[in-house]
Amino acid sequence: LLATAGFGRWHCELEAHVLHYAQLSGLTQELKALGAHNLNPGRPG
């Protein structure tokens, strides 16, 4: 997509970030607080 987007030049770098949580609930509560929990079709009701 970037190569065909109509820009003269572009550069893409990848970063890996690994966060750590004492318990799984810490991750799930953070995702909820961010509004970034599961928003895809196929999620359970």
PDB file of all heavy atoms in Angstrom:
ATOM      1  N   LEU A   1       0.824  -1.208   0.000  1.00  0.00           N
ATOM      2  CA  LEU A   1       0.000   0.000   0.000  1.00  0.00           C
ATOM      3  C   LEU A   1       0.862   1.264   0.000  1.00  0.00           C
ATOM      4  O   LEU A   1       0.571   2.225  -0.715  1.00  0.00           O
ATOM      5  CB  LEU A   1      -0.914   0.009   1.221  1.00  0.00           C
ATOM      6  CG  LEU A   1      -2.199  -0.814   1.149  1.00  0.00           C
ATOM      7  CD1 LEU A   1      -2.957  -0.702   2.465  1.00  0.00           C
ATOM      8  CD2 LEU A   1      -3.084  -0.354   0.000  1.00  0.00           C
ATOM      9  N   LEU A   2       1.905   1.257   0.799  1.00  0.00           N
ATOM     10  CA  LEU A   2       2.770   2.426   0.878  1.00  0.00           C
ATOM     11  C   LEU A   2       3.427   2.724  -0.468  1.00  0.00           C
ATOM     12  O   LEU A   2       3.573   3.888  -0.864  1.00  0.00           O
ATOM     13  CB  LEU A   2       3.852   2.217   1.941  1.00  0.00           C
ATOM     14  CG  LEU A   2       3.372   2.005   3.383  1.00  0.00           C
ATOM     15  CD1 LEU A   2       4.555   1.754   4.308  1.00  0.00           C
ATOM     16  CD2 LEU A   2       2.545   3.185   3.874  1.00  0.00           C
ATOM     17  N   ALA A   3       3.810   1.679  -1.179  1.00  0.00           N
ATOM     18  CA  ALA A   3       4.506   1.846  -2.452  1.00  0.00           C
ATOM     19  C   ALA A   3       3.614   2.401  -3.548  1.00  0.00           C
ATOM     20  O   ALA A   3       4.107   2.963  -4.529  1.00  0.00           O
ATOM     21  CB  ALA A   3       5.101   0.510  -2.893  1.00  0.00           C
ATOM     22  N   THR A   4       2.311   2.260  -3.395  1.00  0.00           N
ATOM     23  CA  THR A   4       1.376   2.688  -4.437  1.00  0.00           C
ATOM     24  C   THR A   4       0.481   3.835  -3.981  1.00  0.00           C
ATOM     25  O   THR A   4      -0.549   4.109  -4.585  1.00  0.00           O
ATOM     26  CB  THR A   4       0.494   1.504  -4.882  1.00  0.00           C
ATOM     27  OG1 THR A   4      -0.215   0.984  -3.742  1.00  0.00           O
ATOM     28  CG2 THR A   4       1.341   0.391  -5.487  1.00  0.00           C
ATOM     29  N   ALA A   5       0.875   4.532  -2.917  1.00  0.00           N
ATOM     30  CA  ALA A   5       0.018   5.551  -2.309  1.00  0.00           C
ATOM     31  C   ALA A   5       0.182   6.941  -2.910  1.00  0.00           C
ATOM     32  O   ALA A   5      -0.502   7.871  -2.496  1.00  0.00           O
ATOM     33  CB  ALA A   5       0.268   5.610  -0.799  1.00  0.00           C
ATOM     34  N   GLY A   6       1.113   7.096  -3.843  1.00  0.00           N
ATOM     35  CA  GLY A   6       1.254   8.382  -4.509  1.00  0.00           C
ATOM     36  C   GLY A   6       2.231   9.341  -3.859  1.00  0.00           C
ATOM     37  O   GLY A   6       2.182  10.541  -4.131  1.00  0.00           O
ATOM     38  N   PHE A   7       3.128   8.831  -3.022  1.00  0.00           N
ATOM     39  CA  PHE A   7       4.151   9.664  -2.408  1.00  0.00           C
ATOM     40  C   PHE A   7       5.472   9.510  -3.164  1.00  0.00           C
ATOM     41  O   PHE A   7       5.764   8.449  -3.711  1.00  0.00           O
ATOM     42  CB  PHE A   7       4.341   9.289  -0.942  1.00  0.00           C
ATOM     43  CG  PHE A   7       3.197   9.715  -0.062  1.00  0.00           C
ATOM     44  CD1 PHE A   7       2.029   8.973  -0.005  1.00  0.00           C
ATOM     45  CD2 PHE A   7       3.291  10.870   0.698  1.00  0.00           C
ATOM     46  CE1 PHE A   7       0.967   9.359   0.797  1.00  0.00           C
ATOM     47  CE2 PHE A   7       2.231  11.267   1.511  1.00  0.00           C
ATOM     48  CZ  PHE A   7       1.077  10.520   1.561  1.00  0.00           C
ATOM     49  N   GLY A   8       6.282  10.572  -3.149  1.00  0.00           N
ATOM     50  CA  GLY A   8       7.552  10.514  -3.864  1.00  0.00           C
ATOM     51  C   GLY A   8       8.547   9.571  -3.213  1.00  0.00           C
ATOM     52  O   GLY A   8       9.257   8.833  -3.893  1.00  0.00           O
ATOM     53  N   ARG A   9       8.597   9.583  -1.886  1.00  0.00           N
ATOM     54  CA  ARG A   9       9.514   8.685  -1.168  1.00  0.00           C
ATOM     55  C   ARG A   9       8.901   8.361   0.184  1.00  0.00           C
ATOM     56  O   ARG A   9       8.144   9.151   0.751  1.00  0.00           O
ATOM     57  CB  ARG A   9      10.904   9.306  -1.004  1.00  0.00           C
ATOM     58  CG  ARG A   9      10.930  10.660  -0.305  1.00  0.00           C
ATOM     59  CD  ARG A   9      12.295  11.322  -0.389  1.00  0.00           C
ATOM     60  NE  ARG A   9      12.296  12.669   0.155  1.00  0.00           N
ATOM     61  CZ  ARG A   9      12.599  12.973   1.403  1.00  0.00           C
ATOM     62  NH1 ARG A   9      12.956  12.016   2.261  1.00  0.00           N
ATOM     63  NH2 ARG A   9      12.592  14.232   1.835  1.00  0.00           N
ATOM     64  N   TRP A  10       9.244   7.191   0.684  1.00  0.00           N
ATOM     65  CA  TRP A  10       8.732   6.777   1.974  1.00  0.00           C
ATOM     66  C   TRP A  10       9.721   5.814   2.621  1.00  0.00           C
ATOM     67  O   TRP A  10      10.565   5.211   1.954  1.00  0.00           O
ATOM     68  CB  TRP A  10       7.359   6.117   1.849  1.00  0.00           C
ATOM     69  CG  TRP A  10       7.311   4.898   0.955  1.00  0.00           C
ATOM     70  CD1 TRP A  10       7.122   4.882  -0.401  1.00  0.00           C
ATOM     71  CD2 TRP A  10       7.476   3.537   1.344  1.00  0.00           C
ATOM     72  NE1 TRP A  10       7.158   3.602  -0.886  1.00  0.00           N
ATOM     73  CE2 TRP A  10       7.362   2.748   0.163  1.00  0.00           C
ATOM     74  CE3 TRP A  10       7.699   2.895   2.564  1.00  0.00           C
ATOM     75  CZ2 TRP A  10       7.479   1.364   0.176  1.00  0.00           C
ATOM     76  CZ3 TRP A  10       7.814   1.517   2.584  1.00  0.00           C
ATOM     77  CH2 TRP A  10       7.697   0.773   1.396  1.00  0.00           C
ATOM     78  N   HIS A  11       9.604   5.711   3.923  1.00  0.00           N
ATOM     79  CA  HIS A  11      10.494   4.828   4.687  1.00  0.00           C
ATOM     80  C   HIS A  11       9.691   4.205   5.809  1.00  0.00           C
ATOM     81  O   HIS A  11       8.919   4.891   6.488  1.00  0.00           O
ATOM     82  CB  HIS A  11      11.667   5.628   5.257  1.00  0.00           C
ATOM     83  CG  HIS A  11      12.633   4.804   6.054  1.00  0.00           C
ATOM     84  ND1 HIS A  11      13.411   3.807   5.487  1.00  0.00           N
ATOM     85  CD2 HIS A  11      12.937   4.818   7.370  1.00  0.00           C
ATOM     86  CE1 HIS A  11      14.156   3.252   6.424  1.00  0.00           C
ATOM     87  NE2 HIS A  11      13.886   3.846   7.578  1.00  0.00           N
ATOM     88  N   CYS A  12       9.845   2.914   6.003  1.00  0.00           N
ATOM     89  CA  CYS A  12       9.104   2.173   7.026  1.00  0.00           C
ATOM     90  C   CYS A  12      10.075   1.378   7.884  1.00  0.00           C
ATOM     91  O   CYS A  12      10.889   0.610   7.352  1.00  0.00           O
ATOM     92  CB  CYS A  12       8.081   1.244   6.364  1.00  0.00           C
ATOM     93  SG  CYS A  12       7.192   0.158   7.514  1.00  0.00           S
ATOM     94  N   GLU A  13      10.013   1.571   9.164  1.00  0.00           N
ATOM     95  CA  GLU A  13      10.804   0.791  10.119  1.00  0.00           C
ATOM     96  C   GLU A  13       9.870   0.059  11.075  1.00  0.00           C
ATOM     97  O   GLU A  13       8.833   0.593  11.462  1.00  0.00           O
ATOM     98  CB  GLU A  13      11.730   1.698  10.935  1.00  0.00           C
ATOM     99  CG  GLU A  13      12.851   2.340  10.155  1.00  0.00           C
ATOM    100  CD  GLU A  13      13.760   3.147  11.065  1.00  0.00           C
ATOM    101  OE1 GLU A  13      14.460   2.529  11.895  1.00  0.00           O
ATOM    102  OE2 GLU A  13      13.740   4.391  10.967  1.00  0.00           O
ATOM    103  N   LEU A  14      10.262  -1.140  11.464  1.00  0.00           N
ATOM    104  CA  LEU A  14       9.454  -1.928  12.394  1.00  0.00           C
ATOM    105  C   LEU A  14      10.054  -1.875  13.786  1.00  0.00           C
ATOM    106  O   LEU A  14      11.270  -1.949  13.959  1.00  0.00           O
ATOM    107  CB  LEU A  14       9.359  -3.376  11.921  1.00  0.00           C
ATOM    108  CG  LEU A  14       8.697  -3.603  10.559  1.00  0.00           C
ATOM    109  CD1 LEU A  14       8.675  -5.088  10.223  1.00  0.00           C
ATOM    110  CD2 LEU A  14       7.285  -3.034  10.539  1.00  0.00           C
ATOM    111  N   GLU A  15       9.192  -1.727  14.767  1.00  0.00           N
ATOM    112  CA  GLU A  15       9.581  -1.750  16.175  1.00  0.00           C
ATOM    113  C   GLU A  15       8.784  -2.842  16.877  1.00  0.00           C
ATOM    114  O   GLU A  15       7.582  -2.963  16.664  1.00  0.00           O
ATOM    115  CB  GLU A  15       9.239  -0.433  16.877  1.00  0.00           C
ATOM    116  CG  GLU A  15      10.038   0.764  16.476  1.00  0.00           C
ATOM    117  CD  GLU A  15       9.584   2.015  17.236  1.00  0.00           C
ATOM    118  OE1 GLU A  15       8.542   1.963  17.927  1.00  0.00           O
ATOM    119  OE2 GLU A  15      10.268   3.032  17.123  1.00  0.00           O
ATOM    120  N   ALA A  16       9.441  -3.609  17.706  1.00  0.00           N
ATOM    121  CA  ALA A  16       8.748  -4.577  18.552  1.00  0.00           C
ATOM    122  C   ALA A  16       8.795  -4.066  19.994  1.00  0.00           C
ATOM    123  O   ALA A  16       9.866  -3.752  20.517  1.00  0.00           O
ATOM    124  CB  ALA A  16       9.399  -5.950  18.462  1.00  0.00           C
ATOM    125  N   HIS A  17       7.640  -3.942  20.597  1.00  0.00           N
ATOM    126  CA  HIS A  17       7.528  -3.528  21.999  1.00  0.00           C
ATOM    127  C   HIS A  17       6.936  -4.691  22.780  1.00  0.00           C
ATOM    128  O   HIS A  17       5.875  -5.205  22.410  1.00  0.00           O
ATOM    129  CB  HIS A  17       6.610  -2.312  22.138  1.00  0.00           C
ATOM    130  CG  HIS A  17       7.124  -1.078  21.468  1.00  0.00           C
ATOM    131  ND1 HIS A  17       7.634  -0.004  22.157  1.00  0.00           N
ATOM    132  CD2 HIS A  17       7.205  -0.747  20.154  1.00  0.00           C
ATOM    133  CE1 HIS A  17       8.000   0.933  21.307  1.00  0.00           C
ATOM    134  NE2 HIS A  17       7.746   0.508  20.079  1.00  0.00           N
ATOM    135  N   VAL A  18       7.593  -5.099  23.843  1.00  0.00           N
ATOM    136  CA  VAL A  18       7.088  -6.183  24.682  1.00  0.00           C
ATOM    137  C   VAL A  18       6.811  -5.617  26.077  1.00  0.00           C
ATOM    138  O   VAL A  18       7.731  -5.197  26.774  1.00  0.00           O
ATOM    139  CB  VAL A  18       8.061  -7.371  24.765  1.00  0.00           C
ATOM    140  CG1 VAL A  18       7.444  -8.497  25.596  1.00  0.00           C
ATOM    141  CG2 VAL A  18       8.422  -7.876  23.368  1.00  0.00           C
ATOM    142  N   LEU A  19       5.531  -5.572  26.428  1.00  0.00           N
ATOM    143  CA  LEU A  19       5.126  -5.122  27.756  1.00  0.00           C
ATOM    144  C   LEU A  19       4.920  -6.337  28.647  1.00  0.00           C
ATOM    145  O   LEU A  19       4.642  -7.436  28.163  1.00  0.00           O
ATOM    146  CB  LEU A  19       3.835  -4.311  27.665  1.00  0.00           C
ATOM    147  CG  LEU A  19       3.776  -3.221  26.597  1.00  0.00           C
ATOM    148  CD1 LEU A  19       2.468  -2.437  26.713  1.00  0.00           C
ATOM    149  CD2 LEU A  19       4.975  -2.296  26.666  1.00  0.00           C
ATOM    150  N   HIS A  20       5.055  -6.158  29.943  1.00  0.00           N
ATOM    151  CA  HIS A  20       4.910  -7.277  30.879  1.00  0.00           C
ATOM    152  C   HIS A  20       3.897  -6.935  31.969  1.00  0.00           C
ATOM    153  O   HIS A  20       3.824  -5.788  32.428  1.00  0.00           O
ATOM    154  CB  HIS A  20       6.258  -7.637  31.505  1.00  0.00           C
ATOM    155  CG  HIS A  20       7.220  -8.245  30.543  1.00  0.00           C
ATOM    156  ND1 HIS A  20       8.095  -7.486  29.789  1.00  0.00           N
ATOM    157  CD2 HIS A  20       7.437  -9.544  30.181  1.00  0.00           C
ATOM    158  CE1 HIS A  20       8.818  -8.281  29.020  1.00  0.00           C
ATOM    159  NE2 HIS A  20       8.435  -9.525  29.244  1.00  0.00           N
ATOM    160  N   TYR A  21       3.148  -7.942  32.366  1.00  0.00           N
ATOM    161  CA  TYR A  21       2.084  -7.791  33.356  1.00  0.00           C
ATOM    162  C   TYR A  21       2.204  -8.891  34.395  1.00  0.00           C
ATOM    163  O   TYR A  21       2.527 -10.039  34.062  1.00  0.00           O
ATOM    164  CB  TYR A  21       0.711  -7.861  32.675  1.00  0.00           C
ATOM    165  CG  TYR A  21       0.523  -6.810  31.610  1.00  0.00           C
ATOM    166  CD1 TYR A  21       0.977  -7.022  30.310  1.00  0.00           C
ATOM    167  CD2 TYR A  21      -0.085  -5.595  31.914  1.00  0.00           C
ATOM    168  CE1 TYR A  21       0.833  -6.048  29.331  1.00  0.00           C
ATOM    169  CE2 TYR A  21      -0.235  -4.612  30.940  1.00  0.00           C
ATOM    170  CZ  TYR A  21       0.226  -4.851  29.656  1.00  0.00           C
ATOM    171  OH  TYR A  21       0.082  -3.883  28.699  1.00  0.00           O
ATOM    172  N   ALA A  22       1.912  -8.520  35.628  1.00  0.00           N
ATOM    173  CA  ALA A  22       1.962  -9.517  36.700  1.00  0.00           C
ATOM    174  C   ALA A  22       0.884 -10.572  36.503  1.00  0.00           C
ATOM    175  O   ALA A  22       1.114 -11.767  36.727  1.00  0.00           O
ATOM    176  CB  ALA A  22       1.802  -8.842  38.057  1.00  0.00           C
ATOM    177  N   GLN A  23      -0.299 -10.129  36.060  1.00  0.00           N
ATOM    178  CA  GLN A  23      -1.424 -11.031  35.825  1.00  0.00           C
ATOM    179  C   GLN A  23      -2.095 -10.661  34.508  1.00  0.00           C
ATOM    180  O   GLN A  23      -2.002  -9.521  34.043  1.00  0.00           O
ATOM    181  CB  GLN A  23      -2.448 -10.946  36.980  1.00  0.00           C
ATOM    182  CG  GLN A  23      -1.874 -11.234  38.355  1.00  0.00           C
ATOM    183  CD  GLN A  23      -1.365 -12.669  38.491  1.00  0.00           C
ATOM    184  OE1 GLN A  23      -1.833 -13.568  37.802  1.00  0.00           O
ATOM    185  NE2 GLN A  23      -0.406 -12.862  39.390  1.00  0.00           N
ATOM    186  N   LEU A  24      -2.809 -11.610  33.923  1.00  0.00           N
ATOM    187  CA  LEU A  24      -3.511 -11.370  32.670  1.00  0.00           C
ATOM    188  C   LEU A  24      -4.535 -10.246  32.809  1.00  0.00           C
ATOM    189  O   LEU A  24      -4.746  -9.470  31.877  1.00  0.00           O
ATOM    190  CB  LEU A  24      -4.203 -12.651  32.210  1.00  0.00           C
ATOM    191  CG  LEU A  24      -5.025 -12.561  30.925  1.00  0.00           C
ATOM    192  CD1 LEU A  24      -4.174 -12.087  29.756  1.00  0.00           C
ATOM    193  CD2 LEU A  24      -5.666 -13.908  30.609  1.00  0.00           C
ATOM    194  N   SER A  25      -5.144 -10.131  33.981  1.00  0.00           N
ATOM    195  CA  SER A  25      -6.141  -9.086  34.188  1.00  0.00           C
ATOM    196  C   SER A  25      -5.553  -7.694  33.976  1.00  0.00           C
ATOM    197  O   SER A  25      -6.272  -6.768  33.571  1.00  0.00           O
ATOM    198  CB  SER A  25      -6.742  -9.196  35.594  1.00  0.00           C
ATOM    199  OG  SER A  25      -5.722  -9.085  36.580  1.00  0.00           O
ATOM    200  N   GLY A  26      -4.267  -7.513  34.233  1.00  0.00           N
ATOM    201  CA  GLY A  26      -3.632  -6.224  34.007  1.00  0.00           C
ATOM    202  C   GLY A  26      -3.665  -5.833  32.540  1.00  0.00           C
ATOM    203  O   GLY A  26      -3.933  -4.674  32.193  1.00  0.00           O
ATOM    204  N   LEU A  27      -3.424  -6.797  31.655  1.00  0.00           N
ATOM    205  CA  LEU A  27      -3.480  -6.540  30.219  1.00  0.00           C
ATOM    206  C   LEU A  27      -4.907  -6.263  29.764  1.00  0.00           C
ATOM    207  O   LEU A  27      -5.165  -5.290  29.049  1.00  0.00           O
ATOM    208  CB  LEU A  27      -2.906  -7.730  29.450  1.00  0.00           C
ATOM    209  CG  LEU A  27      -3.114  -7.724  27.934  1.00  0.00           C
ATOM    210  CD1 LEU A  27      -2.478  -6.494  27.288  1.00  0.00           C
ATOM    211  CD2 LEU A  27      -2.553  -9.011  27.315  1.00  0.00           C
ATOM    212  N   THR A  28      -5.843  -7.114  30.163  1.00  0.00           N
ATOM    213  CA  THR A  28      -7.218  -6.957  29.687  1.00  0.00           C
ATOM    214  C   THR A  28      -7.848  -5.667  30.200  1.00  0.00           C
ATOM    215  O   THR A  28      -8.595  -5.002  29.474  1.00  0.00           O
ATOM    216  CB  THR A  28      -8.070  -8.174  30.090  1.00  0.00           C
ATOM    217  OG1 THR A  28      -8.022  -8.337  31.513  1.00  0.00           O
ATOM    218  CG2 THR A  28      -7.542  -9.440  29.423  1.00  0.00           C
ATOM    219  N   GLN A  29      -7.545  -5.286  31.435  1.00  0.00           N
ATOM    220  CA  GLN A  29      -8.071  -4.029  31.959  1.00  0.00           C
ATOM    221  C   GLN A  29      -7.464  -2.831  31.252  1.00  0.00           C
ATOM    222  O   GLN A  29      -8.136  -1.827  31.007  1.00  0.00           O
ATOM    223  CB  GLN A  29      -7.816  -3.957  33.466  1.00  0.00           C
ATOM    224  CG  GLN A  29      -8.668  -4.911  34.278  1.00  0.00           C
ATOM    225  CD  GLN A  29      -8.218  -5.013  35.727  1.00  0.00           C
ATOM    226  OE1 GLN A  29      -7.376  -4.245  36.183  1.00  0.00           O
ATOM    227  NE2 GLN A  29      -8.769  -5.972  36.457  1.00  0.00           N
ATOM    228  N   GLU A  30      -6.200  -2.929  30.874  1.00  0.00           N
ATOM    229  CA  GLU A  30      -5.549  -1.840  30.145  1.00  0.00           C
ATOM    230  C   GLU A  30      -6.156  -1.681  28.761  1.00  0.00           C
ATOM    231  O   GLU A  30      -6.415  -0.561  28.310  1.00  0.00           O
ATOM    232  CB  GLU A  30      -4.050  -2.101  30.031  1.00  0.00           C
ATOM    233  CG  GLU A  30      -3.285  -0.986  29.346  1.00  0.00           C
ATOM    234  CD  GLU A  30      -1.794  -1.214  29.393  1.00  0.00           C
ATOM    235  OE1 GLU A  30      -1.205  -1.063  30.477  1.00  0.00           O
ATOM    236  OE2 GLU A  30      -1.224  -1.568  28.341  1.00  0.00           O
ATOM    237  N   LEU A  31      -6.401  -2.779  28.061  1.00  0.00           N
ATOM    238  CA  LEU A  31      -7.016  -2.713  26.738  1.00  0.00           C
ATOM    239  C   LEU A  31      -8.396  -2.057  26.824  1.00  0.00           C
ATOM    240  O   LEU A  31      -8.776  -1.258  25.964  1.00  0.00           O
ATOM    241  CB  LEU A  31      -7.124  -4.107  26.127  1.00  0.00           C
ATOM    242  CG  LEU A  31      -5.801  -4.768  25.731  1.00  0.00           C
ATOM    243  CD1 LEU A  31      -6.041  -6.199  25.259  1.00  0.00           C
ATOM    244  CD2 LEU A  31      -5.089  -3.971  24.649  1.00  0.00           C
ATOM    245  N   LYS A  32      -9.146  -2.381  27.862  1.00  0.00           N
ATOM    246  CA  LYS A  32     -10.465  -1.776  28.049  1.00  0.00           C
ATOM    247  C   LYS A  32     -10.334  -0.283  28.319  1.00  0.00           C
ATOM    248  O   LYS A  32     -11.097   0.540  27.776  1.00  0.00           O
ATOM    249  CB  LYS A  32     -11.205  -2.460  29.194  1.00  0.00           C
ATOM    250  CG  LYS A  32     -12.624  -1.942  29.391  1.00  0.00           C
ATOM    251  CD  LYS A  32     -13.345  -2.716  30.482  1.00  0.00           C
ATOM    252  CE  LYS A  32     -14.770  -2.194  30.663  1.00  0.00           C
ATOM    253  NZ  LYS A  32     -15.501  -2.929  31.729  1.00  0.00           N
ATOM    254  N   ALA A  33      -9.366   0.114  29.161  1.00  0.00           N
ATOM    255  CA  ALA A  33      -9.173   1.520  29.487  1.00  0.00           C
ATOM    256  C   ALA A  33      -8.769   2.335  28.269  1.00  0.00           C
ATOM    257  O   ALA A  33      -9.083   3.520  28.154  1.00  0.00           O
ATOM    258  CB  ALA A  33      -8.117   1.662  30.589  1.00  0.00           C
ATOM    259  N   LEU A  34      -8.085   1.686  27.321  1.00  0.00           N
ATOM    260  CA  LEU A  34      -7.643   2.360  26.102  1.00  0.00           C
ATOM    261  C   LEU A  34      -8.719   2.395  25.031  1.00  0.00           C
ATOM    262  O   LEU A  34      -8.570   3.077  24.013  1.00  0.00           O
ATOM    263  CB  LEU A  34      -6.400   1.658  25.534  1.00  0.00           C
ATOM    264  CG  LEU A  34      -5.130   1.745  26.382  1.00  0.00           C
ATOM    265  CD1 LEU A  34      -4.078   0.797  25.843  1.00  0.00           C
ATOM    266  CD2 LEU A  34      -4.596   3.177  26.397  1.00  0.00           C
ATOM    267  N   GLY A  35      -9.783   1.620  25.210  1.00  0.00           N
ATOM    268  CA  GLY A  35     -10.802   1.512  24.175  1.00  0.00           C
ATOM    269  C   GLY A  35     -10.377   0.609  23.045  1.00  0.00           C
ATOM    270  O   GLY A  35     -10.977   0.610  21.969  1.00  0.00           O
ATOM    271  N   ALA A  36      -9.319  -0.184  23.243  1.00  0.00           N
ATOM    272  CA  ALA A  36      -8.735  -0.988  22.174  1.00  0.00           C
ATOM    273  C   ALA A  36      -9.015  -2.474  22.347  1.00  0.00           C
ATOM    274  O   ALA A  36      -8.281  -3.315  21.845  1.00  0.00           O
ATOM    275  CB  ALA A  36      -7.215  -0.763  22.132  1.00  0.00           C
ATOM    276  N   HIS A  37     -10.081  -2.814  23.061  1.00  0.00           N
ATOM    277  CA  HIS A  37     -10.437  -4.212  23.184  1.00  0.00           C
ATOM    278  C   HIS A  37     -11.016  -4.696  21.857  1.00  0.00           C
ATOM    279  O   HIS A  37     -11.093  -3.955  20.892  1.00  0.00           O
ATOM    280  CB  HIS A  37     -11.435  -4.415  24.331  1.00  0.00           C
ATOM    281  CG  HIS A  37     -12.639  -3.532  24.240  1.00  0.00           C
ATOM    282  ND1 HIS A  37     -12.586  -2.183  24.507  1.00  0.00           N
ATOM    283  CD2 HIS A  37     -13.910  -3.790  23.876  1.00  0.00           C
ATOM    284  CE1 HIS A  37     -13.779  -1.660  24.329  1.00  0.00           C
ATOM    285  NE2 HIS A  37     -14.602  -2.605  23.934  1.00  0.00           N
ATOM    286  N   ASN A  38     -11.406  -5.944  21.813  1.00  0.00           N
ATOM    287  CA  ASN A  38     -11.770  -6.600  20.549  1.00  0.00           C
ATOM    288  C   ASN A  38     -12.941  -5.906  19.847  1.00  0.00           C
ATOM    289  O   ASN A  38     -14.034  -5.821  20.371  1.00  0.00           O
ATOM    290  CB  ASN A  38     -12.120  -8.064  20.829  1.00  0.00           C
ATOM    291  CG  ASN A  38     -12.396  -8.836  19.570  1.00  0.00           C
ATOM    292  OD1 ASN A  38     -12.045  -8.419  18.475  1.00  0.00           O
ATOM    293  ND2 ASN A  38     -13.015  -9.980  19.723  1.00  0.00           N
ATOM    294  N   LEU A  39     -12.686  -5.437  18.614  1.00  0.00           N
ATOM    295  CA  LEU A  39     -13.702  -4.731  17.836  1.00  0.00           C
ATOM    296  C   LEU A  39     -13.984  -5.413  16.510  1.00  0.00           C
ATOM    297  O   LEU A  39     -14.642  -4.854  15.641  1.00  0.00           O
ATOM    298  CB  LEU A  39     -13.236  -3.288  17.567  1.00  0.00           C
ATOM    299  CG  LEU A  39     -13.051  -2.415  18.811  1.00  0.00           C
ATOM    300  CD1 LEU A  39     -12.308  -1.139  18.457  1.00  0.00           C
ATOM    301  CD2 LEU A  39     -14.388  -2.096  19.441  1.00  0.00           C
ATOM    302  N   ASN A  40     -13.496  -6.634  16.330  1.00  0.00           N
ATOM    303  CA  ASN A  40     -13.625  -7.321  15.056  1.00  0.00           C
ATOM    304  C   ASN A  40     -14.896  -8.153  14.958  1.00  0.00           C
ATOM    305  O   ASN A  40     -15.390  -8.665  15.962  1.00  0.00           O
ATOM    306  CB  ASN A  40     -12.423  -8.250  14.827  1.00  0.00           C
ATOM    307  CG  ASN A  40     -11.250  -7.504  14.230  1.00  0.00           C
ATOM    308  OD1 ASN A  40     -11.309  -7.009  13.115  1.00  0.00           O
ATOM    309  ND2 ASN A  40     -10.170  -7.422  14.994  1.00  0.00           N
ATOM    310  N   PRO A  41     -15.413  -8.333  13.721  1.00  0.00           N
ATOM    311  CA  PRO A  41     -16.481  -9.310  13.521  1.00  0.00           C
ATOM    312  C   PRO A  41     -15.984 -10.699  13.930  1.00  0.00           C
ATOM    313  O   PRO A  41     -14.794 -10.992  13.818  1.00  0.00           O
ATOM    314  CB  PRO A  41     -16.746  -9.245  12.013  1.00  0.00           C
ATOM    315  CG  PRO A  41     -16.232  -7.912  11.594  1.00  0.00           C
ATOM    316  CD  PRO A  41     -15.057  -7.632  12.490  1.00  0.00           C
ATOM    317  N   GLY A  42     -16.891 -11.527  14.411  1.00  0.00           N
ATOM    318  CA  GLY A  42     -16.508 -12.867  14.833  1.00  0.00           C
ATOM    319  C   GLY A  42     -16.223 -12.963  16.311  1.00  0.00           C
ATOM    320  O   GLY A  42     -15.945 -14.037  16.829  1.00  0.00           O
ATOM    321  N   ARG A  43     -16.286 -11.806  17.001  1.00  0.00           N
ATOM    322  CA  ARG A  43     -16.070 -11.848  18.451  1.00  0.00           C
ATOM    323  C   ARG A  43     -17.301 -12.453  19.119  1.00  0.00           C
ATOM    324  O   ARG A  43     -18.416 -12.321  18.617  1.00  0.00           O
ATOM    325  CB  ARG A  43     -15.824 -10.438  18.992  1.00  0.00           C
ATOM    326  CG  ARG A  43     -16.979  -9.497  18.777  1.00  0.00           C
ATOM    327  CD  ARG A  43     -16.597  -8.050  19.109  1.00  0.00           C
ATOM    328  NE  ARG A  43     -17.729  -7.176  18.848  1.00  0.00           N
ATOM    329  CZ  ARG A  43     -18.053  -6.711  17.648  1.00  0.00           C
ATOM    330  NH1 ARG A  43     -17.329  -7.061  16.591  1.00  0.00           N
ATOM    331  NH2 ARG A  43     -19.093  -5.927  17.484  1.00  0.00           N
ATOM    332  N   PRO A  44     -17.139 -13.102  20.262  1.00  0.00           N
ATOM    333  CA  PRO A  44     -18.292 -13.703  20.927  1.00  0.00           C
ATOM    334  C   PRO A  44     -19.194 -12.647  21.525  1.00  0.00           C
ATOM    335  O   PRO A  44     -18.737 -11.594  21.972  1.00  0.00           O
ATOM    336  CB  PRO A  44     -17.642 -14.565  22.023  1.00  0.00           C
ATOM    337  CG  PRO A  44     -16.334 -13.903  22.292  1.00  0.00           C
ATOM    338  CD  PRO A  44     -15.877 -13.333  20.972  1.00  0.00           C
ATOM    339  N   GLY A  45     -20.491 -12.897  21.549  1.00  0.00           N
ATOM    340  CA  GLY A  45     -21.425 -11.979  22.173  1.00  0.00           C
ATOM    341  C   GLY A  45     -21.536 -12.262  23.658  1.00  0.00           C
ATOM    342  O   GLY A  45     -21.224 -13.350  24.138  1.00  0.00           O
TER     343      GLY A  45
END
